[in-house]
């Protein structure tokens, strides 16, 4: 008999142990792009690219194959835009947002912040912005920690390019490897993880049901791979058993335990390796609508 397993992703224990990781950011490493100006899972704030342009970057990257390049198209200190995501969070819980920024351009600086939002996505309060340092000619980690207010349902994370006093247009910065995790200053470098490795991926994501799950194990382990909805209920048990070290791939069909197609929405793909380590990947499922055309009747 199959048990209705529940993972307390959002309601009870989104705060995993210090040795586990639950990155809530979709396409956190900017590896997926719908087009050269639209990273998958992210919202481009200036959709008309009148003041800020977003570009896929393949040369200045922290983790292959891509990063996001944000370019200011206006002078001055206002009109700051970039990329954002709206992520479900638990109220009264501490979170840490981080992202890596490359900034050696004196005409601009990168900035990272969180805006806490209600259920209707209206803003409650924002954290201060943590800025990059143009004098550091290498990738630098920007980190911002805060506690979600009691009436908070979403965290809007913002990665932007900011102007400087008297700056000229066309200043730019690069962003890569973003994380939103539980705990104050909780995000550390993952031990044994090369920046080019893939821990848990679903491609494509968002998906309409035909996708591939991939992950790499550093050593042999008993693995459980499950899909959960926003309430923490298990909706699909994808694999449970022993696996050897190395790369592994599984098909994702967009179906639940009973074989029925999942409704469109937000899900969490969770990989547990049998120890204290869990990896979470946000999944947007958008099943395709099949239009049935009426067959013409011939007299």
C-alpha atoms as a PDB file:
ATOM      1  CA  UNK A   1       0.000   0.000   0.000  1.00  0.00           C
ATOM      2  CA  UNK A   2       1.350   3.372  -0.961  1.00  0.00           C
ATOM      3  CA  UNK A   3       1.510   5.866   1.879  1.00  0.00           C
ATOM      4  CA  UNK A   4       0.661   9.510   1.373  1.00  0.00           C
ATOM      5  CA  UNK A   5       4.025  10.950   2.224  1.00  0.00           C
ATOM      6  CA  UNK A   6       4.306  14.606   3.063  1.00  0.00           C
ATOM      7  CA  UNK A   7       7.411  16.705   2.902  1.00  0.00           C
ATOM      8  CA  UNK A   8       7.248  19.766   5.165  1.00  0.00           C
ATOM      9  CA  UNK A   9       8.688  22.008   2.478  1.00  0.00           C
ATOM     10  CA  UNK A  10       6.816  25.199   3.173  1.00  0.00           C
ATOM     11  CA  UNK A  11       4.616  24.789   6.207  1.00  0.00           C
ATOM     12  CA  UNK A  12       6.666  23.041   8.842  1.00  0.00           C
ATOM     13  CA  UNK A  13      10.353  22.569   8.154  1.00  0.00           C
ATOM     14  CA  UNK A  14      11.527  24.478   5.217  1.00  0.00           C
ATOM     15  CA  UNK A  15      14.557  25.093   7.396  1.00  0.00           C
ATOM     16  CA  UNK A  16      16.579  21.986   6.682  1.00  0.00           C
ATOM     17  CA  UNK A  17      19.529  20.904   8.737  1.00  0.00           C
ATOM     18  CA  UNK A  18      22.729  22.828   8.383  1.00  0.00           C
ATOM     19  CA  UNK A  19      24.090  20.112   6.106  1.00  0.00           C
ATOM     20  CA  UNK A  20      21.093  20.140   3.759  1.00  0.00           C
ATOM     21  CA  UNK A  21      20.197  22.611   1.038  1.00  0.00           C
ATOM     22  CA  UNK A  22      16.835  23.731  -0.281  1.00  0.00           C
ATOM     23  CA  UNK A  23      17.442  26.326  -2.933  1.00  0.00           C
ATOM     24  CA  UNK A  24      14.057  27.777  -3.927  1.00  0.00           C
ATOM     25  CA  UNK A  25      15.295  29.767  -6.919  1.00  0.00           C
ATOM     26  CA  UNK A  26      14.291  28.421 -10.334  1.00  0.00           C
ATOM     27  CA  UNK A  27      17.050  28.287 -12.952  1.00  0.00           C
ATOM     28  CA  UNK A  28      19.412  29.579 -10.298  1.00  0.00           C
ATOM     29  CA  UNK A  29      22.511  29.083 -12.449  1.00  0.00           C
ATOM     30  CA  UNK A  30      21.005  30.751 -15.542  1.00  0.00           C
ATOM     31  CA  UNK A  31      21.626  27.638 -17.615  1.00  0.00           C
ATOM     32  CA  UNK A  32      18.188  27.816 -19.286  1.00  0.00           C
ATOM     33  CA  UNK A  33      17.057  30.624 -21.618  1.00  0.00           C
ATOM     34  CA  UNK A  34      13.853  31.031 -23.585  1.00  0.00           C
ATOM     35  CA  UNK A  35      15.697  33.446 -25.863  1.00  0.00           C
ATOM     36  CA  UNK A  36      18.948  35.480 -25.580  1.00  0.00           C
ATOM     37  CA  UNK A  37      17.180  38.140 -23.502  1.00  0.00           C
ATOM     38  CA  UNK A  38      14.893  35.979 -21.302  1.00  0.00           C
ATOM     39  CA  UNK A  39      16.290  33.526 -18.719  1.00  0.00           C
ATOM     40  CA  UNK A  40      13.796  30.763 -17.945  1.00  0.00           C
ATOM     41  CA  UNK A  41      11.983  31.179 -14.619  1.00  0.00           C
ATOM     42  CA  UNK A  42      12.983  34.827 -14.194  1.00  0.00           C
ATOM     43  CA  UNK A  43      10.936  37.963 -14.860  1.00  0.00           C
ATOM     44  CA  UNK A  44      12.695  40.717 -16.787  1.00  0.00           C
ATOM     45  CA  UNK A  45      11.617  43.948 -15.082  1.00  0.00           C
ATOM     46  CA  UNK A  46      12.204  46.259 -18.050  1.00  0.00           C
ATOM     47  CA  UNK A  47      10.469  44.217 -20.736  1.00  0.00           C
ATOM     48  CA  UNK A  48      11.001  46.912 -23.373  1.00  0.00           C
ATOM     49  CA  UNK A  49      14.749  47.151 -22.619  1.00  0.00           C
ATOM     50  CA  UNK A  50      14.480  50.939 -22.594  1.00  0.00           C
ATOM     51  CA  UNK A  51      16.562  51.455 -19.447  1.00  0.00           C
ATOM     52  CA  UNK A  52      18.067  48.048 -18.677  1.00  0.00           C
ATOM     53  CA  UNK A  53      18.876  45.213 -21.049  1.00  0.00           C
ATOM     54  CA  UNK A  54      19.259  41.562 -20.058  1.00  0.00           C
ATOM     55  CA  UNK A  55      21.534  39.355 -22.167  1.00  0.00           C
ATOM     56  CA  UNK A  56      22.613  35.749 -22.100  1.00  0.00           C
ATOM     57  CA  UNK A  57      26.330  35.662 -21.287  1.00  0.00           C
ATOM     58  CA  UNK A  58      28.593  32.719 -22.163  1.00  0.00           C
ATOM     59  CA  UNK A  59      32.054  34.227 -21.620  1.00  0.00           C
ATOM     60  CA  UNK A  60      31.972  35.865 -18.179  1.00  0.00           C
ATOM     61  CA  UNK A  61      30.360  33.040 -16.188  1.00  0.00           C
ATOM     62  CA  UNK A  62      30.865  31.499 -12.780  1.00  0.00           C
ATOM     63  CA  UNK A  63      29.196  28.176 -13.554  1.00  0.00           C
ATOM     64  CA  UNK A  64      28.888  27.005 -17.143  1.00  0.00           C
ATOM     65  CA  UNK A  65      27.243  27.420 -19.527  1.00  0.00           C
ATOM     66  CA  UNK A  66      25.653  30.845 -18.901  1.00  0.00           C
ATOM     67  CA  UNK A  67      25.308  33.878 -16.678  1.00  0.00           C
ATOM     68  CA  UNK A  68      23.046  36.925 -16.942  1.00  0.00           C
ATOM     69  CA  UNK A  69      24.477  40.253 -18.104  1.00  0.00           C
ATOM     70  CA  UNK A  70      22.574  43.369 -16.972  1.00  0.00           C
ATOM     71  CA  UNK A  71      23.357  46.598 -18.839  1.00  0.00           C
ATOM     72  CA  UNK A  72      22.158  50.087 -17.869  1.00  0.00           C
ATOM     73  CA  UNK A  73      20.997  52.142 -20.818  1.00  0.00           C
ATOM     74  CA  UNK A  74      20.482  55.415 -18.927  1.00  0.00           C
ATOM     75  CA  UNK A  75      22.761  57.690 -16.914  1.00  0.00           C
ATOM     76  CA  UNK A  76      22.192  58.749 -13.315  1.00  0.00           C
ATOM     77  CA  UNK A  77      21.201  56.908 -10.163  1.00  0.00           C
ATOM     78  CA  UNK A  78      17.532  56.096 -10.814  1.00  0.00           C
ATOM     79  CA  UNK A  79      15.747  53.707 -13.147  1.00  0.00           C
ATOM     80  CA  UNK A  80      17.275  50.603 -11.592  1.00  0.00           C
ATOM     81  CA  UNK A  81      15.974  47.380 -13.126  1.00  0.00           C
ATOM     82  CA  UNK A  82      17.040  43.802 -13.590  1.00  0.00           C
ATOM     83  CA  UNK A  83      15.607  40.357 -12.875  1.00  0.00           C
ATOM     84  CA  UNK A  84      13.175  39.074 -10.279  1.00  0.00           C
ATOM     85  CA  UNK A  85      11.382  35.950  -9.062  1.00  0.00           C
ATOM     86  CA  UNK A  86       8.349  35.536  -6.803  1.00  0.00           C
ATOM     87  CA  UNK A  87       8.911  32.577  -4.485  1.00  0.00           C
ATOM     88  CA  UNK A  88       6.580  31.014  -1.881  1.00  0.00           C
ATOM     89  CA  UNK A  89       7.979  31.193   1.659  1.00  0.00           C
ATOM     90  CA  UNK A  90       6.878  30.514   5.236  1.00  0.00           C
ATOM     91  CA  UNK A  91       6.071  33.502   7.439  1.00  0.00           C
ATOM     92  CA  UNK A  92       8.175  34.210  10.543  1.00  0.00           C
ATOM     93  CA  UNK A  93      11.053  32.181   9.137  1.00  0.00           C
ATOM     94  CA  UNK A  94      14.564  33.390   8.429  1.00  0.00           C
ATOM     95  CA  UNK A  95      15.887  33.274   4.875  1.00  0.00           C
ATOM     96  CA  UNK A  96      19.155  34.091   3.191  1.00  0.00           C
ATOM     97  CA  UNK A  97      19.398  35.255  -0.404  1.00  0.00           C
ATOM     98  CA  UNK A  98      22.709  35.142  -2.212  1.00  0.00           C
ATOM     99  CA  UNK A  99      24.016  35.497  -5.744  1.00  0.00           C
ATOM    100  CA  UNK A 100      27.414  35.839  -7.349  1.00  0.00           C
ATOM    101  CA  UNK A 101      28.125  39.102  -9.140  1.00  0.00           C
ATOM    102  CA  UNK A 102      30.985  40.124 -11.416  1.00  0.00           C
ATOM    103  CA  UNK A 103      31.490  43.882 -11.426  1.00  0.00           C
ATOM    104  CA  UNK A 104      34.638  45.585 -12.674  1.00  0.00           C
ATOM    105  CA  UNK A 105      32.767  48.441 -14.348  1.00  0.00           C
ATOM    106  CA  UNK A 106      32.905  51.816 -12.587  1.00  0.00           C
ATOM    107  CA  UNK A 107      29.732  53.032 -14.328  1.00  0.00           C
ATOM    108  CA  UNK A 108      27.431  50.566 -12.573  1.00  0.00           C
ATOM    109  CA  UNK A 109      27.090  48.222  -9.612  1.00  0.00           C
ATOM    110  CA  UNK A 110      25.090  45.089  -8.948  1.00  0.00           C
ATOM    111  CA  UNK A 111      22.518  44.914  -6.176  1.00  0.00           C
ATOM    112  CA  UNK A 112      20.583  42.154  -4.428  1.00  0.00           C
ATOM    113  CA  UNK A 113      17.490  42.491  -2.212  1.00  0.00           C
ATOM    114  CA  UNK A 114      14.268  40.835  -1.014  1.00  0.00           C
ATOM    115  CA  UNK A 115      10.759  42.299  -0.985  1.00  0.00           C
ATOM    116  CA  UNK A 116       8.354  40.424   1.288  1.00  0.00           C
ATOM    117  CA  UNK A 117       4.853  40.154  -0.213  1.00  0.00           C
ATOM    118  CA  UNK A 118       1.316  39.246   0.851  1.00  0.00           C
ATOM    119  CA  UNK A 119      -0.856  36.554  -0.740  1.00  0.00           C
ATOM    120  CA  UNK A 120      -2.024  39.049  -3.379  1.00  0.00           C
ATOM    121  CA  UNK A 121       1.683  39.759  -4.108  1.00  0.00           C
ATOM    122  CA  UNK A 122       1.446  43.327  -2.762  1.00  0.00           C
ATOM    123  CA  UNK A 123       4.592  44.500  -0.972  1.00  0.00           C
ATOM    124  CA  UNK A 124       4.933  44.479   2.818  1.00  0.00           C
ATOM    125  CA  UNK A 125       8.519  45.610   3.341  1.00  0.00           C
ATOM    126  CA  UNK A 126      11.847  45.365   1.552  1.00  0.00           C
ATOM    127  CA  UNK A 127      15.297  44.584   2.842  1.00  0.00           C
ATOM    128  CA  UNK A 128      18.121  46.955   2.149  1.00  0.00           C
ATOM    129  CA  UNK A 129      20.153  46.403  -0.996  1.00  0.00           C
ATOM    130  CA  UNK A 130      23.570  44.758  -0.796  1.00  0.00           C
ATOM    131  CA  UNK A 131      25.826  46.161  -3.534  1.00  0.00           C
ATOM    132  CA  UNK A 132      28.799  44.835  -5.453  1.00  0.00           C
ATOM    133  CA  UNK A 133      32.274  46.371  -5.246  1.00  0.00           C
ATOM    134  CA  UNK A 134      33.745  47.449  -8.596  1.00  0.00           C
ATOM    135  CA  UNK A 135      37.268  47.337  -7.183  1.00  0.00           C
ATOM    136  CA  UNK A 136      37.079  43.541  -6.849  1.00  0.00           C
ATOM    137  CA  UNK A 137      37.933  42.275 -10.301  1.00  0.00           C
ATOM    138  CA  UNK A 138      36.520  38.817  -9.734  1.00  0.00           C
ATOM    139  CA  UNK A 139      33.255  37.070  -8.851  1.00  0.00           C
ATOM    140  CA  UNK A 140      31.969  38.263  -5.475  1.00  0.00           C
ATOM    141  CA  UNK A 141      29.165  36.798  -3.395  1.00  0.00           C
ATOM    142  CA  UNK A 142      26.344  39.171  -2.416  1.00  0.00           C
ATOM    143  CA  UNK A 143      24.304  38.003   0.584  1.00  0.00           C
ATOM    144  CA  UNK A 144      21.186  39.383   2.266  1.00  0.00           C
ATOM    145  CA  UNK A 145      19.461  37.729   5.253  1.00  0.00           C
ATOM    146  CA  UNK A 146      16.082  38.623   6.771  1.00  0.00           C
ATOM    147  CA  UNK A 147      13.007  37.118   8.451  1.00  0.00           C
ATOM    148  CA  UNK A 148       9.721  36.886   6.560  1.00  0.00           C
ATOM    149  CA  UNK A 149       6.973  38.951   8.279  1.00  0.00           C
ATOM    150  CA  UNK A 150       4.017  37.184   9.912  1.00  0.00           C
ATOM    151  CA  UNK A 151       1.646  38.009   7.034  1.00  0.00           C
ATOM    152  CA  UNK A 152       4.175  37.135   4.320  1.00  0.00           C
ATOM    153  CA  UNK A 153       3.410  34.527   1.643  1.00  0.00           C
ATOM    154  CA  UNK A 154       5.977  35.346  -1.044  1.00  0.00           C
ATOM    155  CA  UNK A 155       9.538  36.585  -1.305  1.00  0.00           C
ATOM    156  CA  UNK A 156      10.277  38.687  -4.367  1.00  0.00           C
ATOM    157  CA  UNK A 157      13.993  38.411  -4.991  1.00  0.00           C
ATOM    158  CA  UNK A 158      15.633  41.161  -7.035  1.00  0.00           C
ATOM    159  CA  UNK A 159      18.970  41.164  -8.871  1.00  0.00           C
ATOM    160  CA  UNK A 160      19.522  44.588 -10.461  1.00  0.00           C
ATOM    161  CA  UNK A 161      22.083  46.853 -12.037  1.00  0.00           C
ATOM    162  CA  UNK A 162      22.325  50.212 -10.241  1.00  0.00           C
ATOM    163  CA  UNK A 163      23.655  53.548 -11.441  1.00  0.00           C
ATOM    164  CA  UNK A 164      26.253  55.725  -9.741  1.00  0.00           C
ATOM    165  CA  UNK A 165      26.267  59.478  -9.298  1.00  0.00           C
ATOM    166  CA  UNK A 166      27.252  61.078 -12.587  1.00  0.00           C
ATOM    167  CA  UNK A 167      27.661  57.731 -14.285  1.00  0.00           C
ATOM    168  CA  UNK A 168      27.431  57.200 -18.007  1.00  0.00           C
ATOM    169  CA  UNK A 169      25.039  54.738 -19.668  1.00  0.00           C
ATOM    170  CA  UNK A 170      26.110  51.244 -20.705  1.00  0.00           C
ATOM    171  CA  UNK A 171      27.587  50.227 -17.375  1.00  0.00           C
ATOM    172  CA  UNK A 172      27.060  46.512 -16.811  1.00  0.00           C
ATOM    173  CA  UNK A 173      27.342  43.676 -14.285  1.00  0.00           C
ATOM    174  CA  UNK A 174      26.949  39.892 -14.416  1.00  0.00           C
ATOM    175  CA  UNK A 175      24.922  37.585 -12.135  1.00  0.00           C
ATOM    176  CA  UNK A 176      25.187  33.828 -11.640  1.00  0.00           C
ATOM    177  CA  UNK A 177      24.352  31.071  -9.109  1.00  0.00           C
ATOM    178  CA  UNK A 178      21.540  32.607  -7.043  1.00  0.00           C
ATOM    179  CA  UNK A 179      20.151  30.914  -3.917  1.00  0.00           C
ATOM    180  CA  UNK A 180      17.288  31.515  -1.501  1.00  0.00           C
ATOM    181  CA  UNK A 181      17.633  29.186   1.468  1.00  0.00           C
ATOM    182  CA  UNK A 182      16.384  29.036   5.040  1.00  0.00           C
ATOM    183  CA  UNK A 183      18.307  30.421   7.980  1.00  0.00           C
ATOM    184  CA  UNK A 184      20.317  33.556   8.689  1.00  0.00           C
ATOM    185  CA  UNK A 185      23.562  33.539   6.721  1.00  0.00           C
ATOM    186  CA  UNK A 186      22.760  29.892   5.998  1.00  0.00           C
ATOM    187  CA  UNK A 187      24.118  29.658   2.477  1.00  0.00           C
ATOM    188  CA  UNK A 188      27.663  28.378   2.429  1.00  0.00           C
ATOM    189  CA  UNK A 189      29.800  26.918  -0.291  1.00  0.00           C
ATOM    190  CA  UNK A 190      28.598  23.374  -0.798  1.00  0.00           C
ATOM    191  CA  UNK A 191      31.395  21.003   0.220  1.00  0.00           C
ATOM    192  CA  UNK A 192      32.866  19.048  -2.634  1.00  0.00           C
ATOM    193  CA  UNK A 193      30.803  20.871  -5.255  1.00  0.00           C
ATOM    194  CA  UNK A 194      32.553  22.245  -8.311  1.00  0.00           C
ATOM    195  CA  UNK A 195      30.795  25.273  -9.704  1.00  0.00           C
ATOM    196  CA  UNK A 196      30.272  23.489 -13.017  1.00  0.00           C
ATOM    197  CA  UNK A 197      28.575  20.409 -11.497  1.00  0.00           C
ATOM    198  CA  UNK A 198      24.870  19.684 -11.727  1.00  0.00           C
ATOM    199  CA  UNK A 199      23.256  18.442  -8.513  1.00  0.00           C
ATOM    200  CA  UNK A 200      19.640  18.242  -9.584  1.00  0.00           C
ATOM    201  CA  UNK A 201      18.178  19.512 -12.834  1.00  0.00           C
ATOM    202  CA  UNK A 202      14.929  19.225 -14.745  1.00  0.00           C
ATOM    203  CA  UNK A 203      15.137  20.198 -18.389  1.00  0.00           C
ATOM    204  CA  UNK A 204      13.178  21.892 -19.721  1.00  0.00           C
ATOM    205  CA  UNK A 205      11.818  23.805 -16.743  1.00  0.00           C
ATOM    206  CA  UNK A 206       9.043  25.027 -16.996  1.00  0.00           C
ATOM    207  CA  UNK A 207       7.907  21.779 -18.541  1.00  0.00           C
ATOM    208  CA  UNK A 208       4.772  20.506 -20.229  1.00  0.00           C
ATOM    209  CA  UNK A 209       5.433  16.922 -19.163  1.00  0.00           C
ATOM    210  CA  UNK A 210       8.238  15.674 -21.396  1.00  0.00           C
ATOM    211  CA  UNK A 211      11.436  16.386 -19.491  1.00  0.00           C
ATOM    212  CA  UNK A 212      14.563  14.762 -18.097  1.00  0.00           C
ATOM    213  CA  UNK A 213      15.669  14.741 -14.467  1.00  0.00           C
ATOM    214  CA  UNK A 214      19.433  14.535 -14.000  1.00  0.00           C
ATOM    215  CA  UNK A 215      21.743  14.540 -11.014  1.00  0.00           C
ATOM    216  CA  UNK A 216      25.223  13.429 -10.079  1.00  0.00           C
ATOM    217  CA  UNK A 217      26.208  11.414  -7.014  1.00  0.00           C
ATOM    218  CA  UNK A 218      29.693  11.752  -5.572  1.00  0.00           C
ATOM    219  CA  UNK A 219      29.400   8.259  -4.080  1.00  0.00           C
ATOM    220  CA  UNK A 220      27.019   5.311  -4.061  1.00  0.00           C
ATOM    221  CA  UNK A 221      23.908   5.933  -1.956  1.00  0.00           C
ATOM    222  CA  UNK A 222      20.304   4.954  -1.360  1.00  0.00           C
ATOM    223  CA  UNK A 223      18.343   7.621  -3.186  1.00  0.00           C
ATOM    224  CA  UNK A 224      14.751   8.812  -2.983  1.00  0.00           C
ATOM    225  CA  UNK A 225      13.459  11.081  -5.732  1.00  0.00           C
ATOM    226  CA  UNK A 226       9.995  12.554  -5.207  1.00  0.00           C
ATOM    227  CA  UNK A 227       7.758  15.360  -6.435  1.00  0.00           C
ATOM    228  CA  UNK A 228       5.786  17.436  -3.910  1.00  0.00           C
ATOM    229  CA  UNK A 229       3.076  20.063  -4.238  1.00  0.00           C
ATOM    230  CA  UNK A 230       2.912  23.353  -2.332  1.00  0.00           C
ATOM    231  CA  UNK A 231       1.225  21.742   0.680  1.00  0.00           C
ATOM    232  CA  UNK A 232       4.144  19.335   1.127  1.00  0.00           C
ATOM    233  CA  UNK A 233       2.189  16.291  -0.114  1.00  0.00           C
ATOM    234  CA  UNK A 234       4.017  13.771  -2.240  1.00  0.00           C
ATOM    235  CA  UNK A 235       2.332  13.608  -5.645  1.00  0.00           C
ATOM    236  CA  UNK A 236       4.819  11.401  -7.498  1.00  0.00           C
ATOM    237  CA  UNK A 237       7.380   8.914  -6.207  1.00  0.00           C
ATOM    238  CA  UNK A 238       9.874   8.840  -9.056  1.00  0.00           C
ATOM    239  CA  UNK A 239      12.598   6.535  -7.695  1.00  0.00           C
ATOM    240  CA  UNK A 240      13.675   4.815  -4.511  1.00  0.00           C
ATOM    241  CA  UNK A 241      16.678   2.518  -4.388  1.00  0.00           C
ATOM    242  CA  UNK A 242      20.433   2.216  -4.531  1.00  0.00           C
ATOM    243  CA  UNK A 243      22.451   4.067  -7.166  1.00  0.00           C
ATOM    244  CA  UNK A 244      26.160   4.114  -7.870  1.00  0.00           C
ATOM    245  CA  UNK A 245      28.376   7.161  -8.097  1.00  0.00           C
ATOM    246  CA  UNK A 246      28.150   9.228 -11.246  1.00  0.00           C
ATOM    247  CA  UNK A 247      25.539  10.843 -13.469  1.00  0.00           C
ATOM    248  CA  UNK A 248      21.937   9.574 -13.444  1.00  0.00           C
ATOM    249  CA  UNK A 249      18.905  10.467 -15.556  1.00  0.00           C
ATOM    250  CA  UNK A 250      15.201   9.772 -15.145  1.00  0.00           C
ATOM    251  CA  UNK A 251      12.229  10.703 -17.333  1.00  0.00           C
ATOM    252  CA  UNK A 252       9.622  13.143 -16.041  1.00  0.00           C
ATOM    253  CA  UNK A 253       6.160  12.551 -17.501  1.00  0.00           C
ATOM    254  CA  UNK A 254       4.092  15.076 -15.542  1.00  0.00           C
ATOM    255  CA  UNK A 255       1.931  12.352 -13.977  1.00  0.00           C
ATOM    256  CA  UNK A 256       1.030  11.609 -10.367  1.00  0.00           C
ATOM    257  CA  UNK A 257       1.033   8.388  -8.331  1.00  0.00           C
ATOM    258  CA  UNK A 258      -2.083   7.109 -10.117  1.00  0.00           C
ATOM    259  CA  UNK A 259      -0.793   7.943 -13.587  1.00  0.00           C
ATOM    260  CA  UNK A 260      -3.050  10.970 -14.060  1.00  0.00           C
ATOM    261  CA  UNK A 261      -1.658  14.180 -15.534  1.00  0.00           C
ATOM    262  CA  UNK A 262      -0.718  16.773 -12.915  1.00  0.00           C
ATOM    263  CA  UNK A 263      -2.534  20.103 -12.960  1.00  0.00           C
ATOM    264  CA  UNK A 264      -0.545  23.171 -13.926  1.00  0.00           C
ATOM    265  CA  UNK A 265       1.256  24.784 -11.035  1.00  0.00           C
ATOM    266  CA  UNK A 266       4.370  24.968  -8.867  1.00  0.00           C
ATOM    267  CA  UNK A 267       5.979  21.778  -7.527  1.00  0.00           C
ATOM    268  CA  UNK A 268       9.182  20.803  -5.752  1.00  0.00           C
ATOM    269  CA  UNK A 269      11.446  18.045  -7.003  1.00  0.00           C
ATOM    270  CA  UNK A 270      13.335  16.606  -4.024  1.00  0.00           C
ATOM    271  CA  UNK A 271      16.388  14.361  -4.070  1.00  0.00           C
ATOM    272  CA  UNK A 272      17.450  12.727  -0.789  1.00  0.00           C
ATOM    273  CA  UNK A 273      20.658  10.710  -0.844  1.00  0.00           C
ATOM    274  CA  UNK A 274      20.058   8.647   2.291  1.00  0.00           C
ATOM    275  CA  UNK A 275      21.970  10.919   4.643  1.00  0.00           C
ATOM    276  CA  UNK A 276      21.274  14.408   5.932  1.00  0.00           C
ATOM    277  CA  UNK A 277      21.546  15.987   2.502  1.00  0.00           C
ATOM    278  CA  UNK A 278      18.520  16.983   0.458  1.00  0.00           C
ATOM    279  CA  UNK A 279      18.407  18.951  -2.771  1.00  0.00           C
ATOM    280  CA  UNK A 280      15.271  20.794  -3.870  1.00  0.00           C
ATOM    281  CA  UNK A 281      14.492  22.078  -7.369  1.00  0.00           C
ATOM    282  CA  UNK A 282      11.446  24.219  -8.073  1.00  0.00           C
ATOM    283  CA  UNK A 283       9.396  22.900 -11.003  1.00  0.00           C
ATOM    284  CA  UNK A 284       6.869  24.830 -13.039  1.00  0.00           C
ATOM    285  CA  UNK A 285       4.480  22.402 -14.729  1.00  0.00           C
ATOM    286  CA  UNK A 286       2.516  23.850 -17.625  1.00  0.00           C
ATOM    287  CA  UNK A 287       0.784  21.031 -19.529  1.00  0.00           C
ATOM    288  CA  UNK A 288       0.055  21.758 -23.146  1.00  0.00           C
ATOM    289  CA  UNK A 289      -3.545  22.229 -24.151  1.00  0.00           C
ATOM    290  CA  UNK A 290      -4.531  20.032 -27.049  1.00  0.00           C
ATOM    291  CA  UNK A 291      -7.086  21.633 -29.298  1.00  0.00           C
ATOM    292  CA  UNK A 292      -9.457  19.242 -31.014  1.00  0.00           C
ATOM    293  CA  UNK A 293     -10.696  20.533 -34.310  1.00  0.00           C
ATOM    294  CA  UNK A 294     -14.092  19.544 -35.564  1.00  0.00           C
ATOM    295  CA  UNK A 295     -13.889  17.188 -38.526  1.00  0.00           C
ATOM    296  CA  UNK A 296     -15.795  18.694 -41.470  1.00  0.00           C
ATOM    297  CA  UNK A 297     -18.838  16.782 -42.570  1.00  0.00           C
ATOM    298  CA  UNK A 298     -19.152  16.121 -46.228  1.00  0.00           C
ATOM    299  CA  UNK A 299     -22.523  15.743 -47.858  1.00  0.00           C
END
